[in-house]
Protein backbone atom coordinates (compact mmCIF):
# COMPACT_ATOMS: atom_id res chain seq x y z
CA MET A 1 63.56 84.58 112.17
CA ARG A 2 67.17 85.32 111.30
CA TYR A 3 69.53 82.48 112.19
CA TYR A 4 73.31 82.26 112.26
CA ILE A 5 76.03 79.79 113.21
CA ALA A 6 79.38 81.12 114.40
CA ASP A 7 82.46 79.26 115.58
CA ALA A 8 83.46 80.82 118.92
CA PHE A 9 86.83 81.01 120.68
CA THR A 10 88.69 80.66 117.40
CA ASP A 11 89.76 82.69 114.39
CA THR A 12 89.70 79.63 112.12
CA LEU A 13 86.58 78.10 110.59
CA PHE A 14 85.73 74.53 111.63
CA SER A 15 87.46 74.91 115.00
CA GLY A 16 86.34 76.41 118.30
CA ASN A 17 82.76 75.78 119.41
CA PRO A 18 79.88 76.30 116.94
CA ALA A 19 76.85 78.08 118.36
CA GLY A 20 73.48 78.78 116.83
CA VAL A 21 72.19 82.32 117.28
CA CYS A 22 68.50 83.03 116.70
CA LEU A 23 67.23 86.61 116.52
CA PRO A 24 63.44 86.49 116.95
CA GLU A 25 61.59 89.80 117.03
CA ALA A 26 59.73 88.83 120.22
CA PRO A 27 60.16 86.19 122.94
CA LEU A 28 59.30 82.63 121.93
CA PRO A 29 57.69 79.83 123.99
CA ALA A 30 60.27 77.69 125.77
CA GLU A 31 58.93 74.56 124.07
CA LEU A 32 59.58 76.07 120.63
CA MET A 33 63.09 77.21 121.54
CA GLN A 34 63.89 73.73 122.84
CA ALA A 35 62.53 72.14 119.64
CA ILE A 36 64.64 74.48 117.50
CA ALA A 37 67.76 73.71 119.55
CA ALA A 38 67.13 69.98 119.18
CA GLU A 39 66.68 70.41 115.42
CA ASN A 40 69.89 72.46 115.18
CA ASN A 41 71.72 69.77 117.19
CA LEU A 42 74.56 72.08 118.23
CA SER A 43 75.92 72.11 121.78
CA GLU A 44 74.02 75.38 122.35
CA THR A 45 71.57 77.59 120.51
CA ALA A 46 71.12 81.12 121.85
CA PHE A 47 67.91 83.13 121.50
CA VAL A 48 68.49 86.88 121.65
CA VAL A 49 65.65 89.41 121.91
CA PRO A 50 66.09 93.23 122.11
CA ASN A 51 65.25 94.78 125.49
CA GLY A 52 65.58 98.53 125.19
CA GLY A 53 69.24 99.09 124.38
CA ASP A 54 70.10 95.72 125.92
CA TYR A 55 69.21 92.13 125.06
CA ASP A 56 67.55 89.17 126.75
CA ILE A 57 69.35 85.88 126.12
CA ARG A 58 68.49 82.23 126.74
CA TRP A 59 70.50 79.13 125.85
CA PHE A 60 69.36 75.63 124.96
CA THR A 61 71.31 72.43 124.35
CA PRO A 62 69.56 69.79 122.22
CA ALA A 63 68.17 68.38 125.49
CA VAL A 64 67.72 71.15 128.10
CA GLU A 65 67.82 74.88 128.84
CA ILE A 66 70.97 75.92 130.71
CA ASP A 67 71.62 78.87 133.02
CA LEU A 68 74.92 80.09 131.56
CA CYS A 69 76.80 79.63 128.28
CA GLY A 70 79.98 81.44 127.34
CA HIS A 71 80.60 80.47 123.73
CA ALA A 72 77.01 81.13 122.61
CA THR A 73 77.08 84.53 124.35
CA LEU A 74 80.32 85.40 122.57
CA ALA A 75 78.79 84.22 119.29
CA SER A 76 75.67 86.32 119.96
CA ALA A 77 77.72 89.48 120.53
CA PHE A 78 79.72 88.71 117.38
CA ILE A 79 76.54 88.32 115.31
CA LEU A 80 74.91 91.45 116.75
CA HIS A 81 78.06 93.48 116.16
CA ARG A 82 78.38 92.26 112.60
CA PHE A 83 74.76 92.32 111.44
CA ALA A 84 72.55 94.34 113.81
CA ALA A 85 74.59 96.95 115.70
CA PRO A 86 78.03 97.45 114.12
CA GLU A 87 78.47 100.77 115.95
CA GLN A 88 78.18 99.15 119.38
CA THR A 89 81.28 98.08 121.29
CA HIS A 90 79.49 97.04 124.49
CA PHE A 91 76.63 94.56 124.70
CA CYS A 92 74.56 93.88 127.80
CA PHE A 93 72.64 90.60 128.06
CA HIS A 94 70.04 89.78 130.71
CA SER A 95 70.00 86.10 131.60
CA GLN A 96 69.16 83.53 134.26
CA SER A 97 72.68 84.17 135.61
CA GLY A 98 72.13 87.92 135.86
CA GLN A 99 73.60 90.69 133.76
CA LEU A 100 76.34 89.60 131.36
CA LEU A 101 78.54 92.11 129.57
CA VAL A 102 80.53 91.66 126.36
CA GLU A 103 83.04 94.25 125.14
CA VAL A 104 84.46 94.39 121.64
CA LYS A 105 88.13 95.13 122.28
CA ASP A 106 91.22 94.76 120.11
CA GLY A 107 89.38 92.52 117.67
CA ARG A 108 88.18 90.15 120.40
CA TYR A 109 84.92 89.69 122.25
CA VAL A 110 85.50 89.85 126.00
CA LEU A 111 82.90 88.24 128.26
CA ASN A 112 82.40 89.66 131.75
CA PHE A 113 80.90 86.80 133.78
CA PRO A 114 80.46 85.97 137.47
CA ALA A 115 83.31 83.97 139.01
CA ARG A 116 82.50 80.63 140.64
CA MET A 117 85.29 79.26 142.82
CA PRO A 118 85.13 75.45 143.12
CA GLN A 119 85.58 73.90 146.55
CA PRO A 120 87.71 70.81 147.32
CA VAL A 121 85.96 67.42 147.54
CA ALA A 122 87.35 63.94 148.05
CA VAL A 123 88.67 62.04 145.04
CA THR A 124 86.71 58.81 144.58
CA SER A 125 87.25 55.61 142.66
CA GLU A 126 84.09 56.47 140.69
CA MET A 127 85.73 59.65 139.43
CA GLU A 128 88.83 57.81 138.25
CA ALA A 129 86.77 55.07 136.63
CA ALA A 130 84.66 57.66 134.80
CA ILE A 131 87.69 59.54 133.46
CA GLY A 132 89.83 56.48 132.90
CA CYS A 133 92.97 57.81 134.59
CA ALA A 134 94.42 58.92 137.93
CA VAL A 135 92.96 62.08 139.50
CA LYS A 136 95.19 64.30 141.67
CA GLU A 137 92.45 66.56 143.08
CA ALA A 138 88.69 67.07 142.82
CA HIS A 139 86.78 70.34 143.24
CA LEU A 140 83.10 71.19 142.87
CA ALA A 141 81.16 74.31 141.88
CA ARG A 142 78.39 74.03 139.27
CA ASP A 143 80.62 71.42 137.64
CA LEU A 144 82.99 68.80 138.96
CA ILE A 145 86.60 69.80 138.28
CA LEU A 146 89.19 67.01 138.21
CA VAL A 147 92.87 67.98 138.25
CA LEU A 148 95.06 65.57 136.27
CA GLU A 149 98.81 65.05 136.21
CA ASP A 150 99.68 67.12 133.13
CA GLU A 151 98.52 68.32 129.71
CA ALA A 152 99.11 64.91 128.14
CA ALA A 153 96.78 63.29 130.68
CA VAL A 154 94.04 65.79 129.83
CA ARG A 155 94.49 65.30 126.10
CA ASP A 156 94.69 61.51 126.24
CA CYS A 157 92.01 60.62 128.80
CA VAL A 158 89.14 58.51 127.43
CA PRO A 159 86.07 59.02 129.64
CA ASP A 160 83.24 56.55 130.08
CA ILE A 161 80.37 58.93 129.35
CA ALA A 162 77.77 56.75 131.08
CA LEU A 163 79.87 56.85 134.27
CA VAL A 164 80.54 60.59 133.91
CA ALA A 165 76.77 61.13 133.93
CA GLN A 166 76.66 59.59 137.43
CA LEU A 167 79.23 61.97 138.95
CA PRO A 168 78.27 65.01 141.04
CA GLY A 169 77.97 68.37 139.31
CA GLN A 170 76.16 69.35 136.14
CA GLY A 171 79.22 68.60 134.01
CA CYS A 172 82.75 67.31 134.49
CA GLY A 173 85.87 69.24 133.54
CA VAL A 174 89.38 67.82 133.54
CA THR A 175 92.27 70.24 133.79
CA ALA A 176 96.03 70.61 134.28
CA THR A 177 98.76 73.16 133.77
CA GLY A 178 99.58 73.68 130.10
CA ASP A 179 102.78 73.16 128.16
CA ALA A 180 102.39 76.32 126.04
CA CYS A 181 99.68 78.13 128.04
CA ASP A 182 98.77 78.53 131.70
CA PHE A 183 96.19 75.74 131.86
CA VAL A 184 94.30 73.32 129.65
CA SER A 185 90.97 71.55 129.99
CA ARG A 186 88.30 69.34 128.48
CA PHE A 187 84.60 69.27 129.40
CA PHE A 188 82.07 66.43 129.39
CA ALA A 189 78.38 67.18 129.91
CA PRO A 190 76.17 64.12 129.30
CA LYS A 191 73.53 65.53 131.67
CA PHE A 192 73.13 68.35 129.13
CA GLY A 193 73.00 65.89 126.23
CA ILE A 194 76.62 66.71 125.25
CA ASP A 195 79.30 64.03 125.46
CA GLU A 196 82.16 66.52 125.01
CA ASP A 197 81.78 70.26 124.54
CA PRO A 198 84.42 71.71 122.20
CA VAL A 199 85.12 74.99 124.08
CA THR A 200 83.24 75.93 127.24
CA GLY A 201 83.13 79.52 128.48
CA SER A 202 81.00 78.71 131.53
CA LEU A 203 83.53 76.11 132.71
CA HIS A 204 86.15 78.85 132.76
CA THR A 205 84.13 80.87 135.27
CA GLU A 206 85.29 78.09 137.62
CA LEU A 207 88.74 77.35 136.17
CA ILE A 208 89.91 80.98 136.08
CA PRO A 209 89.61 81.66 139.83
CA PHE A 210 90.98 78.19 140.57
CA TRP A 211 94.09 78.58 138.43
CA ALA A 212 94.57 82.27 139.31
CA ALA A 213 94.87 81.26 142.98
CA ARG A 214 97.02 78.22 142.15
CA LEU A 215 99.42 80.05 139.81
CA GLY A 216 99.41 83.41 141.61
CA LYS A 217 98.52 85.47 138.53
CA TYR A 218 95.44 87.30 137.32
CA GLN A 219 95.90 87.17 133.55
CA LEU A 220 95.99 83.67 132.12
CA SER A 221 95.95 81.94 128.75
CA ALA A 222 93.94 78.76 128.34
CA ARG A 223 93.41 76.09 125.74
CA GLN A 224 90.56 73.59 125.59
CA LEU A 225 91.87 70.35 124.13
CA SER A 226 88.82 68.99 122.35
CA LYS A 227 89.14 67.68 118.81
CA ARG A 228 88.14 71.12 117.46
CA GLY A 229 90.13 73.03 120.11
CA GLY A 230 89.82 76.61 121.24
CA THR A 231 91.82 79.44 122.84
CA LEU A 232 90.62 81.63 125.70
CA PHE A 233 92.24 84.79 127.06
CA CYS A 234 91.35 85.02 130.74
CA GLU A 235 91.51 87.51 133.59
CA HIS A 236 90.48 87.04 137.21
CA GLN A 237 88.74 90.03 138.83
CA VAL A 238 87.79 88.46 142.19
CA GLU A 239 83.98 88.45 141.87
CA ARG A 240 84.04 88.44 138.06
CA VAL A 241 86.10 86.88 135.30
CA LEU A 242 86.94 88.16 131.84
CA ILE A 243 87.01 85.60 129.04
CA GLY A 244 88.14 86.83 125.64
CA GLY A 245 88.05 85.14 122.27
CA ASN A 246 87.45 85.47 118.57
CA ALA A 247 84.63 84.19 116.38
CA VAL A 248 84.12 83.22 112.74
CA LEU A 249 80.87 83.21 110.76
CA TYR A 250 79.89 79.84 109.30
CA LEU A 251 76.25 80.31 108.24
CA GLN A 252 73.52 82.90 107.94
CA GLY A 253 69.95 82.17 106.96
CA GLU A 254 66.33 82.13 108.03
CA LEU A 255 64.35 79.71 110.16
CA THR A 256 60.75 79.02 109.16
CA ALA A 257 59.65 77.69 112.58
């Protein structure tokens, strides 16, 4: 099958979040997709199969299948637009999280995803021990969201990954207002087999409604402060969020699995 790697949420190679994109001609067994994702050893590998004029999509980390992935969906639309359907400007993916839309607009790929507003929970000593710094607020949706003092605290925190794995939520995001953008974040997901994810679209389905309400604005700029780093252009639409970004091709080839 055709196989690609694209760096998502960046316009510069070797930054953003690399995603594998597999284009099999027919659906594959879950066990095979999981084995391929483990062999690829990227934070996510997407498997995209045509479904009429739309596409079915599934995402696998090296350890597990997940229900929603932003950067691998953006990478999939980028690959389809470049190699399979250059005339298309709208892509519709069917997934475990429902219908996901991606629009090619002004040179970016804009994800249309469901919004997930996190709810306040009590800050605990376990949270602060896991992150290694003071936590101002804690909120929970799919992931645990910890609000830190400022951008420097987000950038400089050194989590204990074994302790992070014991916290509630599927993953743990740390966030604060940004110095040169509206908000910043990092994301740790040891339960998914990922110590730190470089740029996480699905996390922003939670951060966008949170920061839109906090900052009183619907259009926001965001930066994920991993070592690779990535930029996200965000818009809150109440029940949905728009997450825009660029992508860069790193590899194209063929898998023999």
